[in-house]
C-alpha atoms as a PDB file:
ATOM      1  CA  MET A   1     240.912-104.076 -79.134  1.00  0.00           C
ATOM      2  CA  SER A   2     241.275-101.510 -81.893  1.00  0.00           C
ATOM      3  CA  ARG A   3     238.441-100.545 -84.200  1.00  0.00           C
ATOM      4  CA  ARG A   4     240.258-101.561 -87.363  1.00  0.00           C
ATOM      5  CA  CYS A   5     239.018-103.677 -90.254  1.00  0.00           C
ATOM      6  CA  MET A   6     241.215-106.715 -90.990  1.00  0.00           C
ATOM      7  CA  ILE A   7     240.316-106.599 -94.696  1.00  0.00           C
ATOM      8  CA  THR A   8     240.410-102.924 -95.697  1.00  0.00           C
ATOM      9  CA  GLY A   9     242.437-101.468 -92.821  1.00  0.00           C
ATOM     10  CA  LYS A  10     239.787 -98.841 -92.124  1.00  0.00           C
ATOM     11  CA  GLY A  11     240.180 -97.277 -88.689  1.00  0.00           C
ATOM     12  CA  ALA A  12     238.816 -94.438 -86.594  1.00  0.00           C
ATOM     13  CA  MET A  13     239.150 -90.917 -87.982  1.00  0.00           C
ATOM     14  CA  THR A  14     238.923 -87.580 -86.198  1.00  0.00           C
ATOM     15  CA  GLY A  15     237.046 -84.437 -87.102  1.00  0.00           C
ATOM     16  CA  HIS A  16     234.804 -81.753 -85.703  1.00  0.00           C
ATOM     17  CA  ASN A  17     231.171 -81.317 -84.811  1.00  0.00           C
ATOM     18  CA  VAL A  18     230.322 -77.860 -86.160  1.00  0.00           C
ATOM     19  CA  SER A  19     227.411 -75.973 -84.630  1.00  0.00           C
ATOM     20  CA  HIS A  20     225.317 -73.321 -86.370  1.00  0.00           C
ATOM     21  CA  ALA A  21     227.489 -70.692 -84.612  1.00  0.00           C
ATOM     22  CA  GLN A  22     230.592 -72.424 -86.114  1.00  0.00           C
ATOM     23  CA  ASN A  23     231.787 -73.722 -82.716  1.00  0.00           C
ATOM     24  CA  LYS A  24     233.988 -76.743 -83.337  1.00  0.00           C
ATOM     25  CA  THR A  25     234.286 -79.644 -80.920  1.00  0.00           C
ATOM     26  CA  LYS A  26     236.381 -82.754 -81.481  1.00  0.00           C
ATOM     27  CA  ARG A  27     234.691 -86.013 -82.437  1.00  0.00           C
ATOM     28  CA  ARG A  28     235.604 -89.459 -83.794  1.00  0.00           C
ATOM     29  CA  PHE A  29     234.237 -91.142 -86.907  1.00  0.00           C
ATOM     30  CA  LEU A  30     234.180 -94.880 -86.204  1.00  0.00           C
ATOM     31  CA  PRO A  31     233.992 -97.525 -88.961  1.00  0.00           C
ATOM     32  CA  ASN A  32     231.219-100.108 -88.872  1.00  0.00           C
ATOM     33  CA  VAL A  33     233.447-102.959 -87.652  1.00  0.00           C
ATOM     34  CA  GLN A  34     231.760-106.218 -86.656  1.00  0.00           C
ATOM     35  CA  GLU A  35     232.994-109.591 -85.429  1.00  0.00           C
ATOM     36  CA  SER A  36     232.194-111.951 -88.274  1.00  0.00           C
ATOM     37  CA  SER A  37     232.924-115.538 -89.284  1.00  0.00           C
ATOM     38  CA  LEU A  38     233.695-116.277 -92.925  1.00  0.00           C
ATOM     39  CA  TYR A  39     233.780-119.807 -94.289  1.00  0.00           C
ATOM     40  CA  SER A  40     236.943-121.043 -95.985  1.00  0.00           C
ATOM     41  CA  GLU A  41     236.134-123.820 -98.445  1.00  0.00           C
ATOM     42  CA  ALA A  42     239.807-124.790 -98.789  1.00  0.00           C
ATOM     43  CA  LEU A  43     240.192-125.245 -95.016  1.00  0.00           C
ATOM     44  CA  SER A  44     236.623-126.511 -94.467  1.00  0.00           C
ATOM     45  CA  ARG A  45     236.231-124.310 -91.397  1.00  0.00           C
ATOM     46  CA  TRP A  46     235.046-120.914 -90.242  1.00  0.00           C
ATOM     47  CA  VAL A  47     237.559-118.069 -89.768  1.00  0.00           C
ATOM     48  CA  LYS A  48     236.688-115.333 -87.238  1.00  0.00           C
ATOM     49  CA  LEU A  49     237.503-111.800 -88.401  1.00  0.00           C
ATOM     50  CA  ARG A  50     236.838-108.214 -87.351  1.00  0.00           C
ATOM     51  CA  VAL A  51     235.662-106.639 -90.579  1.00  0.00           C
ATOM     52  CA  SER A  52     233.823-103.546 -91.710  1.00  0.00           C
ATOM     53  CA  MET A  53     230.759-103.905 -93.883  1.00  0.00           C
ATOM     54  CA  HIS A  54     232.792-102.477 -96.775  1.00  0.00           C
ATOM     55  CA  GLY A  55     235.343-105.233 -96.154  1.00  0.00           C
ATOM     56  CA  LEU A  56     232.616-107.901 -96.326  1.00  0.00           C
ATOM     57  CA  ARG A  57     231.450-106.487 -99.654  1.00  0.00           C
ATOM     58  CA  THR A  58     235.040-106.606-100.919  1.00  0.00           C
ATOM     59  CA  VAL A  59     235.425-110.266 -99.961  1.00  0.00           C
ATOM     60  CA  GLU A  60     232.105-111.187-101.607  1.00  0.00           C
ATOM     61  CA  HIS A  61     232.997-109.205-104.741  1.00  0.00           C
ATOM     62  CA  MET A  62     236.273-111.120-105.107  1.00  0.00           C
ATOM     63  CA  GLY A  63     234.518-114.485-104.802  1.00  0.00           C
ATOM     64  CA  GLY A  64     234.814-115.451-101.143  1.00  0.00           C
ATOM     65  CA  LEU A  65     237.487-115.603 -98.473  1.00  0.00           C
ATOM     66  CA  ASP A  66     239.767-118.082-100.265  1.00  0.00           C
ATOM     67  CA  ALA A  67     239.750-116.078-103.505  1.00  0.00           C
ATOM     68  CA  TYR A  68     240.384-112.835-101.618  1.00  0.00           C
ATOM     69  CA  LEU A  69     243.366-114.286 -99.738  1.00  0.00           C
ATOM     70  CA  THR A  70     244.970-115.824-102.837  1.00  0.00           C
ATOM     71  CA  LYS A  71     244.557-112.647-104.932  1.00  0.00           C
ATOM     72  CA  THR A  72     245.829-110.226-102.264  1.00  0.00           C
ATOM     73  CA  ALA A  73     249.546-109.664-101.696  1.00  0.00           C
ATOM     74  CA  LYS A  74     250.890-110.892 -98.356  1.00  0.00           C
ATOM     75  CA  THR A  75     252.240-107.418 -97.506  1.00  0.00           C
ATOM     76  CA  LYS A  76     248.755-105.866 -97.788  1.00  0.00           C
ATOM     77  CA  LEU A  77     247.127-108.355 -95.399  1.00  0.00           C
ATOM     78  CA  ASP A  78     246.614-107.968 -91.672  1.00  0.00           C
ATOM     79  CA  PRO A  79     249.267-109.954 -89.738  1.00  0.00           C
ATOM     80  CA  LYS A  80     246.578-112.310 -88.397  1.00  0.00           C
ATOM     81  CA  LEU A  81     245.380-113.073 -91.936  1.00  0.00           C
ATOM     82  CA  ARG A  82     248.856-113.905 -93.265  1.00  0.00           C
ATOM     83  CA  SER A  83     248.920-117.257 -91.505  1.00  0.00           C
ATOM     84  CA  VAL A  84     245.437-118.047 -92.839  1.00  0.00           C
ATOM     85  CA  LYS A  85     246.641-117.194 -96.360  1.00  0.00           C
ATOM     86  CA  VAL A  86     249.523-119.685 -96.026  1.00  0.00           C
ATOM     87  CA  GLU A  87     247.124-122.408 -94.822  1.00  0.00           C
ATOM     88  CA  VAL A  88     244.710-121.742 -97.702  1.00  0.00           C
ATOM     89  CA  GLU A  89     247.488-121.843-100.306  1.00  0.00           C
ATOM     90  CA  LYS A  90     248.800-125.156 -98.894  1.00  0.00           C
ATOM     91  CA  ALA A  91     245.297-126.650 -98.893  1.00  0.00           C
ATOM     92  CA  LEU A  92     244.630-125.530-102.476  1.00  0.00           C
ATOM     93  CA  ALA A  93     248.028-126.906-103.607  1.00  0.00           C
ATOM     94  CA  THR A  94     247.296-130.333-102.110  1.00  0.00           C
ATOM     95  CA  LYS A  95     243.823-130.420-103.724  1.00  0.00           C
ATOM     96  CA  ALA A  96     245.297-129.502-107.124  1.00  0.00           C
ATOM     97  CA  ALA A  97     247.997-132.179-106.919  1.00  0.00           C
END
C-alpha cells in the first residue's frame, strides 16, 4: 500500500541527511497519512480513506466530504474517490428533485 494521500496526492519525497561534516546520506520524507473514515451526509454512511492531516484540513475547510467531492473536478480525484463522487452527485440530485 503506497503512502499517498487520496485527497491531496501527497506522497513520499527523497532527500539527504546532512551531517556537520557535510556527509550526505539518502533519506525519505514521509507524509502523515492515516486511515480515516469521513461521513457522507448524502450517502448516510462512512467512507474509508487514506488521507494526510493536510487533506483532512482541506476537506473540513471546504465544508465536509460531500462539498469537497462536488466542488473538485473528477480528473483531480483519486480513482477510488471518483466512484464515490458519482454516488454523492446521484444522491444529491434525487434529494433535490
